[in-house]
């Protein structure tokens, strides 16, 4: 018999594994953006910052500085191929709205070239 306790436990385990998987994809994505596309700055925003907010439908949201033109679209395409489990959104900081800039300022800086 499946009880509420068992169901909650399974959901918690799924969320925990999904969060861990997302962090692994995030590391790969950041490495690609820095090494191949020479991103000057990468900021994680959204639910992946907070383990308690990251759920079964969460994606990976990054604000990136220093990738322009056709390289931006090439990077987007490459990162989308990293995982069929997670969408990866890349927001160029150079074109970010005021609201998005505020989110980036609250985010977690993963890389910054000084």
Protein backbone atom coordinates (compact mmCIF):
# COMPACT_ATOMS: atom_id res chain seq x y z
CA UNK A 1 0.00 0.00 0.00
CA UNK A 2 1.31 3.41 -0.95
CA UNK A 3 0.93 5.90 1.87
CA UNK A 4 1.31 9.64 1.97
CA UNK A 5 4.56 9.22 3.87
CA UNK A 6 6.00 6.91 1.21
CA UNK A 7 4.88 9.28 -1.56
CA UNK A 8 6.47 12.28 0.18
CA UNK A 9 9.66 10.31 0.67
CA UNK A 10 9.80 9.35 -3.02
CA UNK A 11 9.18 12.93 -4.12
CA UNK A 12 11.91 14.20 -1.78
CA UNK A 13 14.36 11.62 -3.11
CA UNK A 14 13.51 12.52 -6.72
CA UNK A 15 13.97 16.24 -6.03
CA UNK A 16 17.28 15.60 -4.29
CA UNK A 17 18.60 13.52 -7.20
CA UNK A 18 17.34 16.04 -9.76
CA UNK A 19 19.06 18.87 -7.88
CA UNK A 20 22.32 16.91 -7.84
CA UNK A 21 22.00 16.13 -11.55
CA UNK A 22 21.34 19.80 -12.31
CA UNK A 23 24.49 20.84 -10.45
CA UNK A 24 26.53 18.40 -12.56
CA UNK A 25 25.04 19.83 -15.78
CA UNK A 26 25.64 23.36 -14.46
CA UNK A 27 29.33 22.62 -13.91
CA UNK A 28 29.69 21.30 -17.47
CA UNK A 29 27.81 24.30 -18.88
CA UNK A 30 29.95 26.80 -16.98
CA UNK A 31 33.15 25.05 -18.08
CA UNK A 32 32.07 25.22 -21.73
CA UNK A 33 31.06 28.88 -21.46
CA UNK A 34 34.42 29.82 -19.94
CA UNK A 35 36.80 27.59 -21.88
CA UNK A 36 35.20 27.54 -25.32
CA UNK A 37 33.24 30.79 -25.47
CA UNK A 38 35.44 32.89 -23.15
CA UNK A 39 32.58 34.21 -21.01
CA UNK A 40 33.80 37.03 -18.76
CA UNK A 41 31.07 36.52 -16.18
CA UNK A 42 28.55 33.79 -15.37
CA UNK A 43 25.83 34.27 -12.77
CA UNK A 44 23.40 31.57 -11.69
CA UNK A 45 19.88 32.84 -11.05
CA UNK A 46 16.57 31.12 -10.39
CA UNK A 47 15.59 28.06 -8.44
CA UNK A 48 18.89 26.16 -8.70
CA UNK A 49 20.33 28.59 -6.17
CA UNK A 50 17.96 27.26 -3.52
CA UNK A 51 17.71 23.50 -3.04
CA UNK A 52 14.27 23.91 -1.45
CA UNK A 53 12.88 25.76 -4.49
CA UNK A 54 14.33 23.43 -7.12
CA UNK A 55 11.61 21.08 -8.30
CA UNK A 56 10.69 18.59 -10.97
CA UNK A 57 10.03 21.30 -13.57
CA UNK A 58 12.95 23.59 -12.75
CA UNK A 59 15.54 24.55 -15.33
CA UNK A 60 18.99 26.12 -15.24
CA UNK A 61 19.08 29.91 -15.62
CA UNK A 62 22.36 31.71 -16.31
CA UNK A 63 23.22 35.34 -16.93
CA UNK A 64 26.35 35.56 -19.06
CA UNK A 65 28.60 38.43 -20.06
CA UNK A 66 31.08 38.47 -22.91
CA UNK A 67 29.52 36.15 -25.49
CA UNK A 68 28.18 38.04 -28.47
CA UNK A 69 26.70 37.59 -31.90
CA UNK A 70 26.73 34.20 -33.55
CA UNK A 71 28.84 32.74 -30.72
CA UNK A 72 25.94 33.38 -28.35
CA UNK A 73 23.58 31.27 -30.46
CA UNK A 74 26.22 28.60 -30.93
CA UNK A 75 26.71 28.46 -27.14
CA UNK A 76 22.96 28.23 -26.55
CA UNK A 77 22.70 25.34 -28.98
CA UNK A 78 25.65 23.51 -27.47
CA UNK A 79 24.36 23.84 -23.92
CA UNK A 80 20.91 22.62 -24.89
CA UNK A 81 22.55 19.40 -26.06
CA UNK A 82 24.19 18.81 -22.67
CA UNK A 83 21.07 17.36 -21.12
CA UNK A 84 17.66 16.22 -22.24
CA UNK A 85 16.49 16.52 -18.64
CA UNK A 86 17.09 20.26 -18.16
CA UNK A 87 16.46 23.34 -20.22
CA UNK A 88 19.31 25.82 -19.93
CA UNK A 89 18.45 29.48 -20.34
CA UNK A 90 21.26 31.92 -21.09
CA UNK A 91 20.57 35.61 -20.66
CA UNK A 92 23.22 37.96 -22.09
CA UNK A 93 23.94 40.60 -19.45
CA UNK A 94 24.76 43.12 -22.15
CA UNK A 95 21.11 43.06 -23.30
CA UNK A 96 19.43 42.36 -19.96
CA UNK A 97 16.44 44.33 -18.79
CA UNK A 98 16.62 46.25 -15.53
CA UNK A 99 14.66 43.48 -13.82
CA UNK A 100 17.05 40.83 -15.13
CA UNK A 101 20.06 42.89 -14.01
CA UNK A 102 18.56 43.03 -10.52
CA UNK A 103 18.16 39.23 -10.57
CA UNK A 104 21.78 38.87 -11.67
CA UNK A 105 22.95 41.09 -8.82
CA UNK A 106 21.16 38.74 -6.37
CA UNK A 107 22.46 35.62 -8.12
CA UNK A 108 25.43 33.40 -7.47
CA UNK A 109 28.55 34.40 -9.39
CA UNK A 110 30.08 31.23 -10.83
CA UNK A 111 32.83 32.90 -12.82
CA UNK A 112 34.17 36.40 -13.19
CA UNK A 113 37.26 37.38 -15.13
CA UNK A 114 38.87 40.48 -13.73
